[in-house]
Amino acid sequence: MTVKYSKPFTIIGAITGEPVTILVEYVKTDSFKGISIESLEGTYETSKEFEKAYKQAFANIDVENIDVEDPIYNFLPMTLIDAKQLNTILANVIEIAETESDIEVAELLNRFTDVEEEEE
């Protein structure tokens, strides 16, 4: 899997009042090209910090006791201001994902501020 673009940002949970970091990524494999959105309680400044904490948080989950009937995969309440920020980041990621030329992608990455570009 190759992560072509990765952007974490932190909001304050609308219900809990606690910090929640959202990681938005453009992911590309041989058979998949799309957007990933993950969230985790806490503040993480970089994608690497987020991924490390995410792996630690879910390392000890008892998969056999997860209720597969539960239709809610990820409940992420946020304020309108935070939703607008998510919307802007998603628009940036989609624009990068739809761009075929490496030169155009590089230009877009330079245009978006605080951009992290990673490969796994």
PDB file of N, CA and C in Angstrom:
ATOM      1  N   MET A   1       0.847  -1.174   0.000  1.00  0.00           N
ATOM      2  CA  MET A   1       0.000   0.000   0.000  1.00  0.00           C
ATOM      3  C   MET A   1       0.890   1.234   0.000  1.00  0.00           C
ATOM      4  N   THR A   2       0.512   2.209  -0.795  1.00  0.00           N
ATOM      5  CA  THR A   2       1.233   3.465  -0.856  1.00  0.00           C
ATOM      6  C   THR A   2       0.306   4.595  -0.443  1.00  0.00           C
ATOM      7  N   VAL A   3       0.747   5.356   0.538  1.00  0.00           N
ATOM      8  CA  VAL A   3       0.015   6.543   0.946  1.00  0.00           C
ATOM      9  C   VAL A   3       0.608   7.706   0.169  1.00  0.00           C
ATOM     10  N   LYS A   4      -0.199   8.293  -0.701  1.00  0.00           N
ATOM     11  CA  LYS A   4       0.272   9.375  -1.561  1.00  0.00           C
ATOM     12  C   LYS A   4       0.139  10.744  -0.892  1.00  0.00           C
ATOM     13  N   TYR A   5      -0.806  10.882   0.024  1.00  0.00           N
ATOM     14  CA  TYR A   5      -1.037  12.145   0.710  1.00  0.00           C
ATOM     15  C   TYR A   5      -1.645  11.819   2.058  1.00  0.00           C
ATOM     16  N   SER A   6      -1.194  12.507   3.086  1.00  0.00           N
ATOM     17  CA  SER A   6      -1.671  12.221   4.420  1.00  0.00           C
ATOM     18  C   SER A   6      -1.792  13.534   5.191  1.00  0.00           C
ATOM     19  N   LYS A   7      -2.945  13.755   5.812  1.00  0.00           N
ATOM     20  CA  LYS A   7      -3.170  15.009   6.526  1.00  0.00           C
ATOM     21  C   LYS A   7      -3.920  14.756   7.828  1.00  0.00           C
ATOM     22  N   PRO A   8      -3.230  14.885   8.975  1.00  0.00           N
ATOM     23  CA  PRO A   8      -3.941  14.799  10.253  1.00  0.00           C
ATOM     24  C   PRO A   8      -4.386  16.193  10.703  1.00  0.00           C
ATOM     25  N   PHE A   9      -5.527  16.271  11.365  1.00  0.00           N
ATOM     26  CA  PHE A   9      -5.937  17.516  12.009  1.00  0.00           C
ATOM     27  C   PHE A   9      -6.762  17.176  13.228  1.00  0.00           C
ATOM     28  N   THR A  10      -6.695  18.043  14.215  1.00  0.00           N
ATOM     29  CA  THR A  10      -7.352  17.781  15.495  1.00  0.00           C
ATOM     30  C   THR A  10      -8.536  18.721  15.680  1.00  0.00           C
ATOM     31  N   ILE A  11      -9.623  18.128  16.161  1.00  0.00           N
ATOM     32  CA  ILE A  11     -10.832  18.880  16.482  1.00  0.00           C
ATOM     33  C   ILE A  11     -11.171  18.620  17.953  1.00  0.00           C
ATOM     34  N   ILE A  12     -12.134  19.310  18.449  1.00  0.00           N
ATOM     35  CA  ILE A  12     -12.671  19.028  19.784  1.00  0.00           C
ATOM     36  C   ILE A  12     -13.988  18.294  19.569  1.00  0.00           C
ATOM     37  N   GLY A  13     -14.090  17.101  20.129  1.00  0.00           N
ATOM     38  CA  GLY A  13     -15.301  16.294  19.983  1.00  0.00           C
ATOM     39  C   GLY A  13     -16.527  17.068  20.425  1.00  0.00           C
ATOM     40  N   ALA A  14     -17.549  17.104  19.585  1.00  0.00           N
ATOM     41  CA  ALA A  14     -18.744  17.897  19.857  1.00  0.00           C
ATOM     42  C   ALA A  14     -19.503  17.403  21.089  1.00  0.00           C
ATOM     43  N   ILE A  15     -19.388  16.133  21.406  1.00  0.00           N
ATOM     44  CA  ILE A  15     -20.110  15.580  22.556  1.00  0.00           C
ATOM     45  C   ILE A  15     -19.210  15.476  23.785  1.00  0.00           C
ATOM     46  N   THR A  16     -17.986  14.945  23.582  1.00  0.00           N
ATOM     47  CA  THR A  16     -17.090  14.708  24.717  1.00  0.00           C
ATOM     48  C   THR A  16     -16.321  15.949  25.154  1.00  0.00           C
ATOM     49  N   GLY A  17     -16.095  16.880  24.232  1.00  0.00           N
ATOM     50  CA  GLY A  17     -15.284  18.048  24.554  1.00  0.00           C
ATOM     51  C   GLY A  17     -13.802  17.738  24.615  1.00  0.00           C
ATOM     52  N   GLU A  18     -13.425  16.537  24.212  1.00  0.00           N
ATOM     53  CA  GLU A  18     -12.025  16.099  24.230  1.00  0.00           C
ATOM     54  C   GLU A  18     -11.437  16.171  22.827  1.00  0.00           C
ATOM     55  N   PRO A  19     -10.097  16.307  22.710  1.00  0.00           N
ATOM     56  CA  PRO A  19      -9.481  16.349  21.383  1.00  0.00           C
ATOM     57  C   PRO A  19      -9.605  15.009  20.653  1.00  0.00           C
ATOM     58  N   VAL A  20      -9.863  15.105  19.353  1.00  0.00           N
ATOM     59  CA  VAL A  20      -9.936  13.943  18.473  1.00  0.00           C
ATOM     60  C   VAL A  20      -9.134  14.293  17.226  1.00  0.00           C
ATOM     61  N   THR A  21      -8.209  13.418  16.846  1.00  0.00           N
ATOM     62  CA  THR A  21      -7.439  13.648  15.627  1.00  0.00           C
ATOM     63  C   THR A  21      -8.048  12.836  14.505  1.00  0.00           C
ATOM     64  N   ILE A  22      -8.230  13.488  13.361  1.00  0.00           N
ATOM     65  CA  ILE A  22      -8.741  12.840  12.158  1.00  0.00           C
ATOM     66  C   ILE A  22      -7.592  12.763  11.164  1.00  0.00           C
ATOM     67  N   LEU A  23      -7.387  11.588  10.593  1.00  0.00           N
ATOM     68  CA  LEU A  23      -6.347  11.400   9.582  1.00  0.00           C
ATOM     69  C   LEU A  23      -7.027  11.100   8.253  1.00  0.00           C
ATOM     70  N   VAL A  24      -6.779  11.954   7.270  1.00  0.00           N
ATOM     71  CA  VAL A  24      -7.329  11.783   5.930  1.00  0.00           C
ATOM     72  C   VAL A  24      -6.166  11.415   5.015  1.00  0.00           C
ATOM     73  N   GLU A  25      -6.324  10.320   4.264  1.00  0.00           N
ATOM     74  CA  GLU A  25      -5.249   9.857   3.387  1.00  0.00           C
ATOM     75  C   GLU A  25      -5.773   9.505   1.999  1.00  0.00           C
ATOM     76  N   TYR A  26      -4.931   9.739   1.015  1.00  0.00           N
ATOM     77  CA  TYR A  26      -5.154   9.216  -0.329  1.00  0.00           C
ATOM     78  C   TYR A  26      -4.277   7.971  -0.414  1.00  0.00           C
ATOM     79  N   VAL A  27      -4.914   6.827  -0.627  1.00  0.00           N
ATOM     80  CA  VAL A  27      -4.233   5.535  -0.623  1.00  0.00           C
ATOM     81  C   VAL A  27      -4.342   4.905  -2.001  1.00  0.00           C
ATOM     82  N   LYS A  28      -3.238   4.318  -2.463  1.00  0.00           N
ATOM     83  CA  LYS A  28      -3.248   3.675  -3.774  1.00  0.00           C
ATOM     84  C   LYS A  28      -2.543   2.326  -3.687  1.00  0.00           C
ATOM     85  N   THR A  29      -3.203   1.290  -4.215  1.00  0.00           N
ATOM     86  CA  THR A  29      -2.603  -0.031  -4.364  1.00  0.00           C
ATOM     87  C   THR A  29      -2.820  -0.447  -5.811  1.00  0.00           C
ATOM     88  N   ASP A  30      -2.415  -1.667  -6.146  1.00  0.00           N
ATOM     89  CA  ASP A  30      -2.638  -2.163  -7.506  1.00  0.00           C
ATOM     90  C   ASP A  30      -4.116  -2.248  -7.846  1.00  0.00           C
ATOM     91  N   SER A  31      -4.955  -2.544  -6.844  1.00  0.00           N
ATOM     92  CA  SER A  31      -6.374  -2.749  -7.120  1.00  0.00           C
ATOM     93  C   SER A  31      -7.293  -1.703  -6.480  1.00  0.00           C
ATOM     94  N   PHE A  32      -6.725  -0.718  -5.796  1.00  0.00           N
ATOM     95  CA  PHE A  32      -7.560   0.248  -5.077  1.00  0.00           C
ATOM     96  C   PHE A  32      -6.943   1.633  -5.157  1.00  0.00           C
ATOM     97  N   LYS A  33      -7.788   2.620  -5.354  1.00  0.00           N
ATOM     98  CA  LYS A  33      -7.387   4.026  -5.338  1.00  0.00           C
ATOM     99  C   LYS A  33      -8.509   4.772  -4.640  1.00  0.00           C
ATOM    100  N   GLY A  34      -8.238   5.320  -3.460  1.00  0.00           N
ATOM    101  CA  GLY A  34      -9.318   5.972  -2.754  1.00  0.00           C
ATOM    102  C   GLY A  34      -8.868   6.751  -1.542  1.00  0.00           C
ATOM    103  N   ILE A  35      -9.833   7.152  -0.756  1.00  0.00           N
ATOM    104  CA  ILE A  35      -9.635   8.008   0.405  1.00  0.00           C
ATOM    105  C   ILE A  35      -9.905   7.206   1.673  1.00  0.00           C
ATOM    106  N   SER A  36      -9.056   7.391   2.665  1.00  0.00           N
ATOM    107  CA  SER A  36      -9.229   6.762   3.967  1.00  0.00           C
ATOM    108  C   SER A  36      -9.401   7.853   5.013  1.00  0.00           C
ATOM    109  N   ILE A  37     -10.367   7.688   5.905  1.00  0.00           N
ATOM    110  CA  ILE A  37     -10.577   8.621   7.005  1.00  0.00           C
ATOM    111  C   ILE A  37     -10.603   7.798   8.291  1.00  0.00           C
ATOM    112  N   GLU A  38      -9.693   8.127   9.193  1.00  0.00           N
ATOM    113  CA  GLU A  38      -9.627   7.441  10.480  1.00  0.00           C
ATOM    114  C   GLU A  38      -9.646   8.501  11.573  1.00  0.00           C
ATOM    115  N   SER A  39     -10.133   8.132  12.743  1.00  0.00           N
ATOM    116  CA  SER A  39     -10.122   9.070  13.860  1.00  0.00           C
ATOM    117  C   SER A  39      -9.681   8.347  15.120  1.00  0.00           C
ATOM    118  N   LEU A  40      -9.083   9.131  16.013  1.00  0.00           N
ATOM    119  CA  LEU A  40      -8.592   8.575  17.266  1.00  0.00           C
ATOM    120  C   LEU A  40      -8.605   9.683  18.314  1.00  0.00           C
ATOM    121  N   GLU A  41      -9.087   9.356  19.506  1.00  0.00           N
ATOM    122  CA  GLU A  41      -9.071  10.350  20.575  1.00  0.00           C
ATOM    123  C   GLU A  41      -7.641  10.748  20.878  1.00  0.00           C
ATOM    124  N   GLY A  42      -7.431  12.031  21.104  1.00  0.00           N
ATOM    125  CA  GLY A  42      -6.103  12.546  21.420  1.00  0.00           C
ATOM    126  C   GLY A  42      -5.619  13.501  20.352  1.00  0.00           C
ATOM    127  N   THR A  43      -4.465  14.093  20.605  1.00  0.00           N
ATOM    128  CA  THR A  43      -3.858  15.042  19.684  1.00  0.00           C
ATOM    129  C   THR A  43      -2.584  14.445  19.122  1.00  0.00           C
ATOM    130  N   TYR A  44      -2.507  14.356  17.812  1.00  0.00           N
ATOM    131  CA  TYR A  44      -1.338  13.808  17.125  1.00  0.00           C
ATOM    132  C   TYR A  44      -0.951  14.784  16.020  1.00  0.00           C
ATOM    133  N   GLU A  45       0.279  15.268  16.071  1.00  0.00           N
ATOM    134  CA  GLU A  45       0.736  16.301  15.147  1.00  0.00           C
ATOM    135  C   GLU A  45       1.088  15.771  13.761  1.00  0.00           C
ATOM    136  N   THR A  46       1.546  14.518  13.683  1.00  0.00           N
ATOM    137  CA  THR A  46       1.976  13.963  12.397  1.00  0.00           C
ATOM    138  C   THR A  46       1.241  12.662  12.113  1.00  0.00           C
ATOM    139  N   SER A  47       1.291  12.256  10.856  1.00  0.00           N
ATOM    140  CA  SER A  47       0.684  10.981  10.459  1.00  0.00           C
ATOM    141  C   SER A  47       1.361   9.814  11.168  1.00  0.00           C
ATOM    142  N   LYS A  48       2.673   9.894  11.314  1.00  0.00           N
ATOM    143  CA  LYS A  48       3.415   8.809  11.979  1.00  0.00           C
ATOM    144  C   LYS A  48       3.006   8.667  13.444  1.00  0.00           C
ATOM    145  N   GLU A  49       2.850   9.795  14.149  1.00  0.00           N
ATOM    146  CA  GLU A  49       2.385   9.750  15.537  1.00  0.00           C
ATOM    147  C   GLU A  49       0.998   9.122  15.608  1.00  0.00           C
ATOM    148  N   PHE A  50       0.116   9.528  14.702  1.00  0.00           N
ATOM    149  CA  PHE A  50      -1.252   9.010  14.665  1.00  0.00           C
ATOM    150  C   PHE A  50      -1.241   7.510  14.424  1.00  0.00           C
ATOM    151  N   GLU A  51      -0.513   7.053  13.403  1.00  0.00           N
ATOM    152  CA  GLU A  51      -0.481   5.623  13.054  1.00  0.00           C
ATOM    153  C   GLU A  51       0.051   4.782  14.211  1.00  0.00           C
ATOM    154  N   LYS A  52       1.076   5.265  14.883  1.00  0.00           N
ATOM    155  CA  LYS A  52       1.641   4.535  16.024  1.00  0.00           C
ATOM    156  C   LYS A  52       0.607   4.405  17.139  1.00  0.00           C
ATOM    157  N   ALA A  53      -0.066   5.509  17.469  1.00  0.00           N
ATOM    158  CA  ALA A  53      -1.085   5.479  18.519  1.00  0.00           C
ATOM    159  C   ALA A  53      -2.279   4.622  18.116  1.00  0.00           C
ATOM    160  N   TYR A  54      -2.654   4.672  16.831  1.00  0.00           N
ATOM    161  CA  TYR A  54      -3.781   3.894  16.324  1.00  0.00           C
ATOM    162  C   TYR A  54      -3.501   2.401  16.472  1.00  0.00           C
ATOM    163  N   LYS A  55      -2.289   1.995  16.087  1.00  0.00           N
ATOM    164  CA  LYS A  55      -1.908   0.580  16.215  1.00  0.00           C
ATOM    165  C   LYS A  55      -1.904   0.145  17.667  1.00  0.00           C
ATOM    166  N   GLN A  56      -1.392   1.002  18.558  1.00  0.00           N
ATOM    167  CA  GLN A  56      -1.376   0.668  19.982  1.00  0.00           C
ATOM    168  C   GLN A  56      -2.793   0.575  20.543  1.00  0.00           C
ATOM    169  N   ALA A  57      -3.667   1.478  20.134  1.00  0.00           N
ATOM    170  CA  ALA A  57      -5.037   1.510  20.648  1.00  0.00           C
ATOM    171  C   ALA A  57      -5.820   0.265  20.258  1.00  0.00           C
ATOM    172  N   PHE A  58      -5.541  -0.263  19.069  1.00  0.00           N
ATOM    173  CA  PHE A  58      -6.314  -1.398  18.575  1.00  0.00           C
ATOM    174  C   PHE A  58      -5.566  -2.725  18.638  1.00  0.00           C
ATOM    175  N   ALA A  59      -4.392  -2.733  19.227  1.00  0.00           N
ATOM    176  CA  ALA A  59      -3.589  -3.951  19.307  1.00  0.00           C
ATOM    177  C   ALA A  59      -4.219  -5.007  20.207  1.00  0.00           C
ATOM    178  N   ASN A  60      -4.918  -4.583  21.242  1.00  0.00           N
ATOM    179  CA  ASN A  60      -5.442  -5.530  22.228  1.00  0.00           C
ATOM    180  C   ASN A  60      -6.949  -5.737  22.149  1.00  0.00           C
ATOM    181  N   ILE A  61      -7.548  -5.418  21.012  1.00  0.00           N
ATOM    182  CA  ILE A  61      -8.993  -5.610  20.866  1.00  0.00           C
ATOM    183  C   ILE A  61      -9.301  -7.096  20.691  1.00  0.00           C
ATOM    184  N   ASP A  62     -10.294  -7.562  21.424  1.00  0.00           N
ATOM    185  CA  ASP A  62     -10.744  -8.941  21.316  1.00  0.00           C
ATOM    186  C   ASP A  62     -11.723  -9.036  20.145  1.00  0.00           C
ATOM    187  N   VAL A  63     -11.213  -9.447  18.991  1.00  0.00           N
ATOM    188  CA  VAL A  63     -12.002  -9.470  17.755  1.00  0.00           C
ATOM    189  C   VAL A  63     -13.208 -10.397  17.877  1.00  0.00           C
ATOM    190  N   GLU A  64     -13.096 -11.454  18.636  1.00  0.00           N
ATOM    191  CA  GLU A  64     -14.195 -12.416  18.761  1.00  0.00           C
ATOM    192  C   GLU A  64     -15.411 -11.824  19.477  1.00  0.00           C
ATOM    193  N   ASN A  65     -15.214 -10.786  20.283  1.00  0.00           N
ATOM    194  CA  ASN A  65     -16.323 -10.205  21.035  1.00  0.00           C
ATOM    195  C   ASN A  65     -16.864  -8.920  20.424  1.00  0.00           C
ATOM    196  N   ILE A  66     -16.463  -8.588  19.212  1.00  0.00           N
ATOM    197  CA  ILE A  66     -16.995  -7.408  18.541  1.00  0.00           C
ATOM    198  C   ILE A  66     -18.376  -7.737  17.990  1.00  0.00           C
ATOM    199  N   ASP A  67     -19.332  -6.849  18.238  1.00  0.00           N
ATOM    200  CA  ASP A  67     -20.700  -7.037  17.775  1.00  0.00           C
ATOM    201  C   ASP A  67     -20.789  -6.641  16.294  1.00  0.00           C
ATOM    202  N   VAL A  68     -20.807  -7.621  15.405  1.00  0.00           N
ATOM    203  CA  VAL A  68     -20.857  -7.337  13.974  1.00  0.00           C
ATOM    204  C   VAL A  68     -22.227  -6.847  13.523  1.00  0.00           C
ATOM    205  N   GLU A  69     -23.226  -6.936  14.384  1.00  0.00           N
ATOM    206  CA  GLU A  69     -24.555  -6.445  14.061  1.00  0.00           C
ATOM    207  C   GLU A  69     -24.645  -4.927  14.223  1.00  0.00           C
ATOM    208  N   ASP A  70     -23.685  -4.328  14.928  1.00  0.00           N
ATOM    209  CA  ASP A  70     -23.695  -2.892  15.171  1.00  0.00           C
ATOM    210  C   ASP A  70     -23.462  -2.145  13.861  1.00  0.00           C
ATOM    211  N   PRO A  71     -24.434  -1.347  13.388  1.00  0.00           N
ATOM    212  CA  PRO A  71     -24.287  -0.670  12.100  1.00  0.00           C
ATOM    213  C   PRO A  71     -23.376   0.559  12.137  1.00  0.00           C
ATOM    214  N   ILE A  72     -23.006   1.033  13.338  1.00  0.00           N
ATOM    215  CA  ILE A  72     -22.161   2.219  13.437  1.00  0.00           C
ATOM    216  C   ILE A  72     -20.703   1.782  13.428  1.00  0.00           C
ATOM    217  N   TYR A  73     -19.999   2.157  12.369  1.00  0.00           N
ATOM    218  CA  TYR A  73     -18.580   1.816  12.272  1.00  0.00           C
ATOM    219  C   TYR A  73     -17.749   2.856  12.997  1.00  0.00           C
ATOM    220  N   ASN A  74     -18.061   4.126  12.790  1.00  0.00           N
ATOM    221  CA  ASN A  74     -17.292   5.189  13.410  1.00  0.00           C
ATOM    222  C   ASN A  74     -18.198   6.403  13.579  1.00  0.00           C
ATOM    223  N   PHE A  75     -18.507   6.730  14.798  1.00  0.00           N
ATOM    224  CA  PHE A  75     -19.343   7.883  15.106  1.00  0.00           C
ATOM    225  C   PHE A  75     -18.425   9.060  15.379  1.00  0.00           C
ATOM    226  N   LEU A  76     -18.497  10.106  14.570  1.00  0.00           N
ATOM    227  CA  LEU A  76     -17.567  11.222  14.677  1.00  0.00           C
ATOM    228  C   LEU A  76     -18.323  12.551  14.647  1.00  0.00           C
ATOM    229  N   PRO A  77     -18.952  12.918  15.758  1.00  0.00           N
ATOM    230  CA  PRO A  77     -19.662  14.189  15.780  1.00  0.00           C
ATOM    231  C   PRO A  77     -18.672  15.351  15.787  1.00  0.00           C
ATOM    232  N   MET A  78     -18.994  16.413  15.037  1.00  0.00           N
ATOM    233  CA  MET A  78     -18.119  17.579  15.001  1.00  0.00           C
ATOM    234  C   MET A  78     -18.932  18.834  14.770  1.00  0.00           C
ATOM    235  N   THR A  79     -18.317  19.953  15.096  1.00  0.00           N
ATOM    236  CA  THR A  79     -18.974  21.241  14.886  1.00  0.00           C
ATOM    237  C   THR A  79     -18.952  21.583  13.399  1.00  0.00           C
ATOM    238  N   LEU A  80     -19.726  22.582  13.012  1.00  0.00           N
ATOM    239  CA  LEU A  80     -19.744  23.009  11.611  1.00  0.00           C
ATOM    240  C   LEU A  80     -18.379  23.533  11.173  1.00  0.00           C
ATOM    241  N   ILE A  81     -17.685  24.246  12.036  1.00  0.00           N
ATOM    242  CA  ILE A  81     -16.348  24.754  11.695  1.00  0.00           C
ATOM    243  C   ILE A  81     -15.397  23.591  11.411  1.00  0.00           C
ATOM    244  N   ASP A  82     -15.434  22.553  12.260  1.00  0.00           N
ATOM    245  CA  ASP A  82     -14.577  21.384  12.050  1.00  0.00           C
ATOM    246  C   ASP A  82     -14.986  20.621  10.794  1.00  0.00           C
ATOM    247  N   ALA A  83     -16.284  20.548  10.523  1.00  0.00           N
ATOM    248  CA  ALA A  83     -16.761  19.880   9.309  1.00  0.00           C
ATOM    249  C   ALA A  83     -16.284  20.609   8.065  1.00  0.00           C
ATOM    250  N   LYS A  84     -16.237  21.939   8.121  1.00  0.00           N
ATOM    251  CA  LYS A  84     -15.722  22.716   6.989  1.00  0.00           C
ATOM    252  C   LYS A  84     -14.246  22.424   6.764  1.00  0.00           C
ATOM    253  N   GLN A  85     -13.489  22.284   7.857  1.00  0.00           N
ATOM    254  CA  GLN A  85     -12.067  21.952   7.733  1.00  0.00           C
ATOM    255  C   GLN A  85     -11.901  20.567   7.109  1.00  0.00           C
ATOM    256  N   LEU A  86     -12.717  19.602   7.545  1.00  0.00           N
ATOM    257  CA  LEU A  86     -12.687  18.268   6.953  1.00  0.00           C
ATOM    258  C   LEU A  86     -13.047  18.333   5.474  1.00  0.00           C
ATOM    259  N   ASN A  87     -14.038  19.123   5.135  1.00  0.00           N
ATOM    260  CA  ASN A  87     -14.453  19.291   3.747  1.00  0.00           C
ATOM    261  C   ASN A  87     -13.308  19.832   2.889  1.00  0.00           C
ATOM    262  N   THR A  88     -12.590  20.822   3.383  1.00  0.00           N
ATOM    263  CA  THR A  88     -11.463  21.402   2.643  1.00  0.00           C
ATOM    264  C   THR A  88     -10.365  20.370   2.432  1.00  0.00           C
ATOM    265  N   ILE A  89     -10.044  19.626   3.476  1.00  0.00           N
ATOM    266  CA  ILE A  89      -8.994  18.606   3.363  1.00  0.00           C
ATOM    267  C   ILE A  89      -9.422  17.504   2.397  1.00  0.00           C
ATOM    268  N   LEU A  90     -10.675  17.080   2.477  1.00  0.00           N
ATOM    269  CA  LEU A  90     -11.170  16.067   1.539  1.00  0.00           C
ATOM    270  C   LEU A  90     -11.112  16.572   0.101  1.00  0.00           C
ATOM    271  N   ALA A  91     -11.470  17.812  -0.124  1.00  0.00           N
ATOM    272  CA  ALA A  91     -11.398  18.374  -1.482  1.00  0.00           C
ATOM    273  C   ALA A  91      -9.959  18.355  -1.994  1.00  0.00           C
ATOM    274  N   ASN A  92      -9.003  18.695  -1.132  1.00  0.00           N
ATOM    275  CA  ASN A  92      -7.592  18.656  -1.525  1.00  0.00           C
ATOM    276  C   ASN A  92      -7.145  17.241  -1.873  1.00  0.00           C
ATOM    277  N   VAL A  93      -7.508  16.280  -1.035  1.00  0.00           N
ATOM    278  CA  VAL A  93      -7.110  14.886  -1.255  1.00  0.00           C
ATOM    279  C   VAL A  93      -7.733  14.349  -2.545  1.00  0.00           C
ATOM    280  N   ILE A  94      -8.996  14.664  -2.772  1.00  0.00           N
ATOM    281  CA  ILE A  94      -9.668  14.202  -3.997  1.00  0.00           C
ATOM    282  C   ILE A  94      -9.007  14.814  -5.227  1.00  0.00           C
ATOM    283  N   GLU A  95      -8.657  16.083  -5.160  1.00  0.00           N
ATOM    284  CA  GLU A  95      -7.993  16.730  -6.285  1.00  0.00           C
ATOM    285  C   GLU A  95      -6.655  16.055  -6.599  1.00  0.00           C
ATOM    286  N   ILE A  96      -5.895  15.724  -5.560  1.00  0.00           N
ATOM    287  CA  ILE A  96      -4.626  15.011  -5.761  1.00  0.00           C
ATOM    288  C   ILE A  96      -4.879  13.627  -6.343  1.00  0.00           C
ATOM    289  N   ALA A  97      -5.869  12.918  -5.811  1.00  0.00           N
ATOM    290  CA  ALA A  97      -6.165  11.560  -6.269  1.00  0.00           C
ATOM    291  C   ALA A  97      -6.596  11.518  -7.732  1.00  0.00           C
ATOM    292  N   GLU A  98      -7.271  12.561  -8.187  1.00  0.00           N
ATOM    293  CA  GLU A  98      -7.759  12.590  -9.560  1.00  0.00           C
ATOM    294  C   GLU A  98      -6.715  13.096 -10.556  1.00  0.00           C
ATOM    295  N   THR A  99      -5.588  13.546 -10.068  1.00  0.00           N
ATOM    296  CA  THR A  99      -4.531  14.077 -10.927  1.00  0.00           C
ATOM    297  C   THR A  99      -3.621  12.955 -11.376  1.00  0.00           C
ATOM    298  N   GLU A 100      -3.410  12.841 -12.648  1.00  0.00           N
ATOM    299  CA  GLU A 100      -2.596  11.752 -13.205  1.00  0.00           C
ATOM    300  C   GLU A 100      -1.113  12.095 -13.298  1.00  0.00           C
ATOM    301  N   SER A 101      -0.799  13.331 -13.574  1.00  0.00           N
ATOM    302  CA  SER A 101       0.584  13.753 -13.815  1.00  0.00           C
ATOM    303  C   SER A 101       1.331  13.974 -12.501  1.00  0.00           C
ATOM    304  N   ASP A 102       2.550  13.413 -12.391  1.00  0.00           N
ATOM    305  CA  ASP A 102       3.369  13.620 -11.202  1.00  0.00           C
ATOM    306  C   ASP A 102       3.725  15.093 -11.029  1.00  0.00           C
ATOM    307  N   ILE A 103       3.901  15.809 -12.136  1.00  0.00           N
ATOM    308  CA  ILE A 103       4.223  17.238 -12.065  1.00  0.00           C
ATOM    309  C   ILE A 103       3.046  18.006 -11.484  1.00  0.00           C
ATOM    310  N   GLU A 104       1.834  17.686 -11.935  1.00  0.00           N
ATOM    311  CA  GLU A 104       0.643  18.353 -11.402  1.00  0.00           C
ATOM    312  C   GLU A 104       0.454  18.037  -9.925  1.00  0.00           C
ATOM    313  N   VAL A 105       0.708  16.783  -9.526  1.00  0.00           N
ATOM    314  CA  VAL A 105       0.592  16.395  -8.121  1.00  0.00           C
ATOM    315  C   VAL A 105       1.577  17.203  -7.288  1.00  0.00           C
ATOM    316  N   ALA A 106       2.820  17.329  -7.760  1.00  0.00           N
ATOM    317  CA  ALA A 106       3.822  18.103  -7.031  1.00  0.00           C
ATOM    318  C   ALA A 106       3.383  19.561  -6.878  1.00  0.00           C
ATOM    319  N   GLU A 107       2.792  20.131  -7.922  1.00  0.00           N
ATOM    320  CA  GLU A 107       2.297  21.509  -7.860  1.00  0.00           C
ATOM    321  C   GLU A 107       1.163  21.637  -6.835  1.00  0.00           C
ATOM    322  N   LEU A 108       0.269  20.646  -6.815  1.00  0.00           N
ATOM    323  CA  LEU A 108      -0.824  20.672  -5.842  1.00  0.00           C
ATOM    324  C   LEU A 108      -0.289  20.542  -4.420  1.00  0.00           C
ATOM    325  N   LEU A 109       0.674  19.648  -4.221  1.00  0.00           N
ATOM    326  CA  LEU A 109       1.247  19.466  -2.888  1.00  0.00           C
ATOM    327  C   LEU A 109       1.899  20.755  -2.404  1.00  0.00           C
ATOM    328  N   ASN A 110       2.546  21.470  -3.294  1.00  0.00           N
ATOM    329  CA  ASN A 110       3.160  22.745  -2.921  1.00  0.00           C
ATOM    330  C   ASN A 110       2.111  23.805  -2.604  1.00  0.00           C
ATOM    331  N   ARG A 111       0.951  23.723  -3.241  1.00  0.00           N
ATOM    332  CA  ARG A 111      -0.120  24.699  -3.034  1.00  0.00           C
ATOM    333  C   ARG A 111      -0.809  24.523  -1.683  1.00  0.00           C
ATOM    334  N   PHE A 112      -0.982  23.283  -1.256  1.00  0.00           N
ATOM    335  CA  PHE A 112      -1.656  23.010   0.010  1.00  0.00           C
ATOM    336  C   PHE A 112      -0.659  23.185   1.153  1.00  0.00           C
ATOM    337  N   THR A 113      -1.030  23.944   2.162  1.00  0.00           N
ATOM    338  CA  THR A 113      -0.125  24.197   3.275  1.00  0.00           C
ATOM    339  C   THR A 113      -0.117  23.025   4.238  1.00  0.00           C
ATOM    340  N   ASP A 114       0.982  22.904   4.971  1.00  0.00           N
ATOM    341  CA  ASP A 114       1.155  21.854   5.979  1.00  0.00           C
ATOM    342  C   ASP A 114       0.908  20.471   5.404  1.00  0.00           C
ATOM    343  N   VAL A 115       1.443  20.197   4.240  1.00  0.00           N
ATOM    344  CA  VAL A 115       1.212  18.926   3.567  1.00  0.00           C
ATOM    345  C   VAL A 115       2.275  17.931   3.990  1.00  0.00           C
ATOM    346  N   GLU A 116       1.838  16.704   4.236  1.00  0.00           N
ATOM    347  CA  GLU A 116       2.746  15.607   4.497  1.00  0.00           C
ATOM    348  C   GLU A 116       2.615  14.626   3.343  1.00  0.00           C
ATOM    349  N   GLU A 117       3.714  14.218   2.778  1.00  0.00           N
ATOM    350  CA  GLU A 117       3.695  13.218   1.729  1.00  0.00           C
ATOM    351  C   GLU A 117       4.490  12.037   2.214  1.00  0.00           C
ATOM    352  N   GLU A 118       3.885  10.844   2.183  1.00  0.00           N
ATOM    353  CA  GLU A 118       4.536   9.658   2.716  1.00  0.00           C
ATOM    354  C   GLU A 118       4.357   8.490   1.781  1.00  0.00           C
ATOM    355  N   GLU A 119       5.240   7.529   1.934  1.00  0.00           N
ATOM    356  CA  GLU A 119       5.084   6.242   1.247  1.00  0.00           C
ATOM    357  C   GLU A 119       5.332   5.154   2.263  1.00  0.00           C
ATOM    358  N   GLU A 120       4.544   4.094   2.193  1.00  0.00           N
ATOM    359  CA  GLU A 120       4.724   2.949   3.101  1.00  0.00           C
ATOM    360  C   GLU A 120       5.119   1.747   2.304  1.00  0.00           C
TER     361      GLU A 120
END
